[in-house]
Protein backbone atom coordinates (compact mmCIF):
# COMPACT_ATOMS: atom_id res chain seq x y z
CA MET A 1 -35.51 10.61 -0.35
CA ASN A 2 -35.74 12.05 2.88
CA LYS A 3 -34.93 16.11 2.54
CA ALA A 4 -32.56 15.94 5.04
CA ASP A 5 -30.48 14.18 2.77
CA LYS A 6 -30.90 16.75 0.27
CA ALA A 7 -30.41 19.93 1.93
CA PRO A 8 -26.85 21.37 3.67
CA LEU A 9 -26.71 20.10 6.93
CA PRO A 10 -26.37 22.41 10.04
CA ASN A 11 -23.34 21.94 12.48
CA PHE A 12 -24.48 18.58 14.60
CA PRO A 13 -24.33 18.84 18.50
CA GLN A 14 -21.51 16.91 19.96
CA ASP A 15 -22.56 13.83 21.31
CA SER A 16 -20.45 13.26 24.39
CA GLY A 17 -22.20 10.01 25.30
CA ARG A 18 -21.48 8.32 22.14
CA ARG A 19 -18.50 9.95 21.88
CA HIS A 20 -17.24 8.67 25.13
CA PHE A 21 -18.05 5.02 23.78
CA PHE A 22 -16.27 5.28 20.89
CA ARG A 23 -13.20 6.40 22.76
CA THR A 24 -13.40 3.76 24.99
CA VAL A 25 -13.66 0.76 22.31
CA GLY A 26 -10.99 2.85 20.26
CA MET A 27 -8.94 2.16 23.67
CA LEU A 28 -9.44 -1.45 23.86
CA GLY A 29 -8.69 -2.07 20.30
CA LEU A 30 -5.34 -0.49 20.63
CA SER A 31 -4.68 -2.32 23.60
CA ALA A 32 -5.32 -5.37 22.26
CA ALA A 33 -3.29 -3.92 18.71
CA LEU A 34 -0.30 -2.87 20.31
CA GLY A 35 1.43 -5.86 20.95
CA ALA A 36 1.52 -7.52 17.52
CA ASN A 37 1.94 -4.08 16.05
CA ALA A 38 4.77 -2.76 18.39
CA SER A 39 7.78 -2.53 15.85
CA ALA A 40 4.97 -0.76 13.69
CA ALA A 41 3.77 1.70 15.97
CA GLU A 42 7.17 3.29 16.50
CA HIS A 43 8.45 2.81 13.04
CA ASP A 44 8.04 6.18 10.88
CA GLY A 45 10.92 5.24 8.46
CA PRO A 46 10.91 2.63 5.67
CA ALA A 47 9.24 -0.46 5.75
CA ASP A 48 11.04 -3.11 7.63
CA ALA A 49 12.90 -5.50 5.35
CA GLY A 50 11.50 -8.19 7.12
CA GLN A 51 7.70 -7.34 6.34
CA GLY A 52 6.31 -7.31 3.10
CA GLN A 53 9.00 -8.74 1.07
CA ALA A 54 8.63 -11.08 -1.80
CA THR A 55 9.95 -13.93 -1.82
CA ASN A 56 11.10 -14.13 -5.21
CA ALA A 57 11.54 -11.32 -8.11
CA GLY A 58 8.53 -12.02 -10.17
CA GLU A 59 6.24 -11.46 -7.16
CA ILE A 60 4.55 -8.81 -5.65
CA PRO A 61 5.26 -8.38 -1.91
CA ARG A 62 1.79 -9.35 0.65
CA ARG A 63 1.76 -6.95 4.12
CA THR A 64 -0.63 -7.19 6.79
CA LEU A 65 -3.72 -5.16 7.04
CA GLY A 66 -3.06 -3.43 10.44
CA ARG A 67 -4.32 -5.55 13.22
CA THR A 68 -6.89 -7.28 11.01
CA GLY A 69 -3.97 -9.88 10.32
CA VAL A 70 -5.57 -10.14 6.57
CA GLN A 71 -2.85 -10.41 3.86
CA ILE A 72 -3.01 -7.87 0.72
CA SER A 73 -0.65 -6.97 -2.01
CA ALA A 74 1.84 -4.06 -1.68
CA LEU A 75 0.36 -2.42 -4.72
CA GLY A 76 -3.56 -1.31 -5.07
CA LEU A 77 -5.11 -0.53 -8.37
CA GLY A 78 -7.03 2.59 -7.66
CA GLY A 79 -10.44 3.21 -9.02
CA HIS A 80 -10.70 6.69 -10.11
CA HIS A 81 -8.88 5.95 -13.05
CA LEU A 82 -10.90 3.18 -14.49
CA GLY A 83 -12.43 5.92 -15.50
CA ASP A 84 -10.18 7.87 -17.23
CA ILE A 85 -9.88 4.89 -19.42
CA LYS A 86 -11.27 5.59 -23.14
CA SER A 87 -13.36 2.58 -23.06
CA ALA A 88 -14.90 -0.14 -20.40
CA ASP A 89 -13.26 -2.68 -22.39
CA GLU A 90 -9.85 -1.28 -22.22
CA ALA A 91 -10.52 -0.64 -17.99
CA ILE A 92 -11.55 -4.68 -17.84
CA GLN A 93 -8.53 -5.33 -19.61
CA VAL A 94 -6.52 -3.02 -17.06
CA ILE A 95 -8.28 -5.07 -13.99
CA HIS A 96 -7.52 -8.40 -15.19
CA GLY A 97 -3.64 -7.53 -16.10
CA ALA A 98 -3.71 -6.37 -12.16
CA LEU A 99 -5.17 -9.58 -11.16
CA ASP A 100 -3.06 -11.90 -13.23
CA ALA A 101 0.01 -10.41 -11.90
CA GLY A 102 -0.97 -10.56 -8.45
CA VAL A 103 -2.65 -6.98 -7.55
CA SER A 104 -5.33 -8.19 -4.99
CA PHE A 105 -6.20 -4.90 -3.40
CA PHE A 106 -8.78 -3.10 -5.41
CA ASP A 107 -10.27 0.68 -4.78
CA ASN A 108 -13.04 2.17 -5.78
CA CYS A 109 -15.40 4.94 -4.68
CA TRP A 110 -19.62 5.38 -4.98
CA GLU A 111 -19.62 8.71 -6.47
CA TYR A 112 -16.69 8.23 -9.18
CA TYR A 113 -18.14 8.82 -12.25
CA ASN A 114 -21.74 8.49 -11.04
CA GLY A 115 -21.11 5.12 -10.56
CA GLU A 116 -19.44 3.98 -13.86
CA THR A 117 -16.11 3.27 -12.34
CA GLU A 118 -18.01 0.75 -9.59
CA ASN A 119 -19.65 -0.58 -12.63
CA ILE A 120 -16.35 -1.34 -14.97
CA LEU A 121 -14.77 -2.91 -11.31
CA GLY A 122 -17.94 -5.59 -11.08
CA ARG A 123 -17.69 -6.29 -14.91
CA GLY A 124 -13.91 -6.82 -14.33
CA LEU A 125 -14.32 -8.63 -11.50
CA LYS A 126 -16.80 -10.93 -12.46
CA GLY A 127 -16.07 -14.87 -11.27
CA ARG A 128 -13.05 -13.73 -9.70
CA ARG A 129 -14.42 -11.77 -6.51
CA ASP A 130 -13.06 -14.32 -4.01
CA LYS A 131 -9.47 -13.36 -5.73
CA VAL A 132 -9.29 -9.40 -3.99
CA PHE A 133 -9.54 -8.00 -1.28
CA LEU A 134 -11.86 -5.29 -2.51
CA MET A 135 -12.49 -1.85 -1.20
CA THR A 136 -15.17 1.49 -1.78
CA LYS A 137 -16.15 4.41 -0.24
CA VAL A 138 -19.08 6.06 0.92
CA CYS A 139 -20.09 9.87 0.16
CA THR A 140 -22.56 11.10 2.64
CA HIS A 141 -19.96 13.79 3.23
CA GLY A 142 -21.94 14.07 6.65
CA ARG A 143 -25.08 13.30 5.72
CA SER A 144 -27.46 10.54 7.45
CA GLY A 145 -26.44 6.80 8.10
CA GLU A 146 -29.42 5.92 6.38
CA LEU A 147 -28.32 7.60 3.36
CA ALA A 148 -25.09 5.66 3.47
CA MET A 149 -26.89 2.20 3.76
CA ARG A 150 -28.69 2.97 0.77
CA MET A 151 -25.00 3.75 -1.05
CA LEU A 152 -23.69 0.66 0.21
CA GLU A 153 -26.48 -1.41 -1.42
CA GLN A 154 -26.09 0.41 -4.94
CA SER A 155 -22.52 -0.19 -4.52
CA LEU A 156 -22.57 -3.72 -4.18
CA ARG A 157 -24.98 -4.26 -6.69
CA ARG A 158 -22.71 -2.61 -9.24
CA LEU A 159 -19.86 -4.06 -8.24
CA GLN A 160 -21.66 -7.73 -8.16
CA THR A 161 -20.99 -8.76 -4.80
CA ASP A 162 -22.78 -8.94 -1.70
CA HIS A 163 -19.95 -7.77 0.81
CA LEU A 164 -17.02 -5.38 0.72
CA ASP A 165 -13.63 -6.65 2.66
CA LEU A 166 -13.33 -2.43 3.31
CA TRP A 167 -15.52 0.24 3.43
CA GLN A 168 -14.39 3.63 3.86
CA ILE A 169 -15.61 6.97 4.63
CA HIS A 170 -14.57 9.24 1.50
CA ALA A 171 -13.14 12.83 1.53
CA ILE A 172 -12.65 13.78 4.96
CA SER A 173 -12.04 17.62 3.51
CA TYR A 174 -13.47 20.20 5.57
CA ASP A 175 -13.10 20.93 9.41
CA ASN A 176 -16.15 20.24 10.16
CA ASP A 177 -16.37 16.44 8.57
CA PRO A 178 -15.19 14.69 11.96
CA GLU A 179 -18.16 16.14 13.87
CA LEU A 180 -20.60 15.11 11.41
CA ALA A 181 -19.02 11.83 10.66
CA TYR A 182 -19.25 11.27 14.56
CA ALA A 183 -22.87 12.69 14.98
CA ARG A 184 -25.81 10.95 15.93
CA GLY A 185 -27.43 8.75 13.45
CA GLY A 186 -24.56 9.47 11.01
CA VAL A 187 -22.20 7.42 8.95
CA LEU A 188 -20.38 5.71 12.01
CA GLU A 189 -23.58 4.06 12.68
CA ALA A 190 -23.75 3.14 9.53
CA PHE A 191 -20.72 1.71 9.95
CA ASP A 192 -21.12 -0.31 12.68
CA LYS A 193 -25.08 -1.90 11.12
CA ALA A 194 -23.02 -2.68 7.78
CA ARG A 195 -20.75 -4.87 10.01
CA GLN A 196 -23.44 -6.34 11.94
CA GLN A 197 -25.18 -7.48 8.92
CA GLY A 198 -21.85 -8.68 7.03
CA LYS A 199 -21.65 -6.53 4.33
CA THR A 200 -18.18 -5.30 5.20
CA ARG A 201 -15.37 -7.09 7.12
CA PHE A 202 -13.50 -3.61 7.84
CA VAL A 203 -14.13 -0.01 8.00
CA GLY A 204 -11.84 3.34 7.72
CA PHE A 205 -11.96 6.82 6.20
CA THR A 206 -9.59 8.79 3.60
CA GLY A 207 -8.91 12.15 2.60
CA HIS A 208 -5.81 14.20 0.71
CA LYS A 209 -6.59 18.06 2.32
CA ASP A 210 -5.20 18.04 5.74
CA PRO A 211 -3.39 15.99 8.00
CA ALA A 212 -5.07 18.06 11.09
CA PHE A 213 -8.66 16.69 9.60
CA HIS A 214 -7.33 13.15 9.82
CA LEU A 215 -5.70 13.80 13.50
CA GLN A 216 -9.01 14.67 14.64
CA MET A 217 -10.70 11.55 13.21
CA LEU A 218 -8.26 9.09 15.16
CA LYS A 219 -8.66 11.68 18.25
CA LEU A 220 -12.47 11.54 18.73
CA GLY A 221 -12.16 7.68 19.05
CA TYR A 222 -14.04 5.46 16.53
CA PRO A 223 -11.70 2.02 16.21
CA PHE A 224 -11.07 2.40 12.09
CA ASP A 225 -9.20 -0.21 10.81
CA THR A 226 -7.72 1.78 7.79
CA VAL A 227 -7.04 5.12 7.09
CA GLN A 228 -6.05 6.08 3.56
CA MET A 229 -3.72 9.27 2.86
CA PRO A 230 -1.40 11.17 0.13
CA LEU A 231 2.06 9.72 0.64
CA ASN A 232 5.04 11.14 -1.69
CA PRO A 233 8.35 12.63 -0.75
CA PHE A 234 6.84 16.21 -1.50
CA ASP A 235 3.92 15.55 1.19
CA ALA A 236 6.65 14.77 3.55
CA THR A 237 7.70 18.52 3.85
CA PHE A 238 4.07 20.14 3.22
CA HIS A 239 1.67 19.74 5.77
CA SER A 240 2.72 16.32 5.89
CA PHE A 241 0.76 12.99 6.51
CA GLU A 242 4.00 11.10 6.31
CA LYS A 243 5.33 13.02 9.50
CA GLN A 244 1.61 13.70 11.27
CA VAL A 245 -0.94 10.72 10.26
CA LEU A 246 1.61 7.87 9.32
CA PRO A 247 3.19 7.28 12.83
CA GLU A 248 -0.35 7.80 14.70
CA VAL A 249 -1.90 5.55 12.35
CA ASN A 250 0.55 2.67 12.70
CA ARG A 251 0.95 3.57 16.92
CA ARG A 252 -3.26 2.85 16.75
CA GLY A 253 -2.36 -0.55 14.91
CA MET A 254 -4.69 0.71 12.07
CA ALA A 255 -3.52 0.52 8.40
CA ALA A 256 -2.08 2.89 6.47
CA LEU A 257 -3.13 2.72 2.99
CA GLY A 258 -1.21 4.85 0.51
CA MET A 259 -2.44 6.95 -2.16
CA LYS A 260 -1.14 9.80 -4.82
CA SER A 261 2.42 8.59 -5.07
CA MET A 262 2.52 10.58 -8.04
CA GLY A 263 1.14 13.64 -6.67
CA GLY A 264 -2.52 13.12 -8.39
CA THR A 265 -0.93 14.65 -11.73
CA GLY A 266 2.50 13.25 -12.12
CA GLU A 267 3.27 16.82 -13.01
CA ALA A 268 6.35 16.38 -11.49
CA VAL A 269 7.72 13.26 -13.60
CA LYS A 270 5.95 15.37 -16.82
CA LYS A 271 8.39 18.08 -15.90
CA GLY A 272 11.82 15.83 -15.09
CA LEU A 273 11.93 16.72 -11.50
CA VAL A 274 11.52 13.26 -10.76
CA LYS A 275 10.94 9.60 -12.27
CA ALA A 276 7.80 7.85 -11.83
CA GLU A 277 9.85 4.66 -10.29
CA GLU A 278 11.30 6.60 -7.42
CA LEU A 279 7.92 8.12 -6.59
CA LEU A 280 6.00 4.81 -6.51
CA ARG A 281 9.18 3.07 -4.72
CA TYR A 282 9.58 5.62 -2.02
CA ALA A 283 5.49 5.65 -1.55
CA MET A 284 5.80 1.35 -0.98
CA SER A 285 9.00 1.80 1.20
CA LEU A 286 6.70 3.99 4.10
CA PRO A 287 5.18 1.73 6.88
CA VAL A 288 2.19 1.43 5.00
CA ALA A 289 0.03 -1.58 3.87
CA THR A 290 -0.56 -1.19 -0.16
CA THR A 291 0.25 2.08 -2.12
CA ILE A 292 -3.07 2.36 -4.40
CA SER A 293 -1.75 3.93 -7.60
CA GLY A 294 -4.01 5.14 -10.48
CA ILE A 295 -3.29 3.19 -13.30
CA ASP A 296 -4.99 4.36 -16.90
CA SER A 297 -3.25 1.95 -19.40
CA LEU A 298 -1.62 -1.22 -19.73
CA LYS A 299 1.65 0.95 -19.99
CA ILE A 300 1.23 2.29 -16.92
CA LEU A 301 0.32 -0.92 -14.86
CA GLU A 302 3.73 -2.59 -16.36
CA GLN A 303 5.58 0.47 -15.19
CA ASN A 304 4.46 -0.25 -11.77
CA LEU A 305 4.61 -3.92 -11.83
CA ARG A 306 8.92 -3.01 -12.74
CA VAL A 307 8.73 -1.45 -9.10
CA ALA A 308 6.30 -4.17 -7.31
CA ARG A 309 7.79 -7.48 -8.31
CA GLY A 310 10.29 -8.54 -5.80
CA PHE A 311 9.80 -4.74 -4.61
CA LYS A 312 13.22 -4.04 -2.55
CA PRO A 313 12.36 -0.51 -0.03
CA MET A 314 14.58 2.42 -0.35
CA THR A 315 17.44 2.88 2.56
CA GLU A 316 16.63 5.60 4.69
CA GLN A 317 19.96 7.41 2.92
CA GLU A 318 17.91 7.17 0.11
CA MET A 319 14.29 8.57 0.92
CA GLU A 320 16.16 11.67 3.08
CA ALA A 321 17.95 12.19 -0.59
CA LEU A 322 14.87 12.14 -2.16
CA ARG A 323 12.83 14.36 0.12
CA THR A 324 15.48 17.14 0.11
CA ARG A 325 15.71 16.99 -3.53
CA CYS A 326 11.88 17.37 -3.62
CA ALA A 327 11.60 19.69 -0.79
CA PRO A 328 12.25 23.48 -2.62
CA PHE A 329 9.15 22.60 -4.92
CA ALA A 330 6.82 21.07 -2.12
CA ALA A 331 6.34 24.25 -0.18
CA ASP A 332 3.53 25.79 -2.35
CA SER A 333 2.02 22.31 -3.08
CA ARG A 334 2.40 22.79 -7.25
CA PHE A 335 2.79 18.67 -7.00
CA GLU A 336 0.24 18.42 -4.58
CA PRO A 337 -2.67 20.69 -5.68
CA TYR A 338 -5.28 18.29 -4.02
CA LYS A 339 -4.14 19.76 -0.54
CA VAL A 340 -4.34 23.76 -1.73
CA SER A 341 -6.94 23.61 -4.46
CA LEU A 342 -10.33 23.21 -5.39
CA ARG A 343 -9.93 21.02 -8.60
CA PHE A 344 -9.43 18.28 -6.44
CA ASP A 345 -12.55 18.45 -4.40
CA ASN A 346 -15.48 15.95 -5.93
CA PRO A 347 -18.39 18.39 -6.24
CA VAL A 348 -20.36 15.89 -4.05
CA THR A 349 -18.14 16.72 -1.33
CA ARG A 350 -19.08 20.43 -1.63
CA LEU A 351 -23.14 20.05 -1.93
CA PRO A 352 -23.38 18.99 1.72
CA HIS A 353 -21.72 21.85 3.63
CA GLY A 354 -23.39 24.38 1.10
CA PHE A 355 -20.48 25.14 -1.17
CA PRO A 356 -20.86 26.07 -4.82
CA ILE A 357 -19.48 23.68 -7.23
CA ASP A 358 -17.89 24.14 -10.86
CA LYS A 359 -19.88 23.17 -13.41
CA ASP A 360 -17.10 23.49 -16.04
CA GLU A 361 -15.47 20.43 -13.71
CA LYS A 362 -15.33 17.29 -15.80
CA GLU A 363 -17.51 15.52 -13.15
CA VAL A 364 -19.79 18.02 -13.10
CA LYS A 365 -20.18 17.83 -16.67
CA ALA A 366 -20.89 14.14 -16.68
CA MET A 367 -23.52 14.83 -13.52
CA PHE A 368 -25.62 17.02 -15.80
CA GLN A 369 -25.32 15.32 -18.98
CA LYS A 370 -27.02 12.33 -17.26
CA GLY A 371 -30.16 14.52 -17.00
CA SER A 372 -30.99 15.17 -13.29
CA GLY A 373 -28.60 18.29 -12.46
CA THR A 374 -27.79 16.52 -8.90
CA TRP A 375 -25.61 14.31 -7.84
CA GLU A 376 -28.46 12.54 -5.64
CA THR A 377 -28.79 9.24 -7.25
CA VAL A 378 -29.53 7.02 -4.33
């Protein structure tokens, strides 16, 4: 391990030549994509009735992953919640239940529970890898592309596969994260190398903190295939990814991936303000390729499948009524705590920036229980 990969990074200088190259490539990709995605590019309301609809009531719709042309399920299985389930065997039951129901998009991340959720998913997909669109995330958080490639090898080993369908930068959470991602020798160079080596088909980035950080990632010009963001009716009126980022992603022909349809905790449902089914239906009614849902039991899986099977999008009037109902509770982000609270910032996103971590947070505790007292295991 290089010392530079353990120490907090300084602000990297702008690399104008590299940035110009990425911007040029991005515009070429954009030009090619716009013709095929013209209707989606201008669409910031509910999903078109002709796109992603199941042919019969028992099926989960398939939607197109942006300009890639690949078809994926409109409902995806989130990776983090697999680590919340009491046992790995029970988590694998959820994976198999989702597979059998027609869910094809599977999310994960290098750092979730120190790699445990990747291990669980790898076990659950054994013998069925060819049935799924498999995504995981890389967690350099501004560190080197060399580190990213080592993380990729660990993810592939845990997931028991020789390639990913999608590899994404995890958690663009701080105002200098775009600069770090685009720095010479950084994660975007790892993206290029991984694609050249056939270790991933597509690449993207994620984040749930601030729409401005997503927009900066796009503005700098790398031709991402996907962008993942929180989308729910509370988001629509507070630091809104739906209003600011989603139209730009679609305009560029990239695939929008929705997450946190329940606000991350489901507190609004627990308090009786909204129903889980209407939150998921709202998120799936937006122009996204899939909505990734955290599912921690077979009961929650079945709840979500009731919405996804034979999915019928909300009308714009229904969506606006739900936004209006949620708006008074959205302005302080009480039901989207990840936008304003450190509680949803995984500790490893903080260390490379020189920020302290909370040793009482459950994933930090697990990290120290594993023995090393540091998140770095590559």
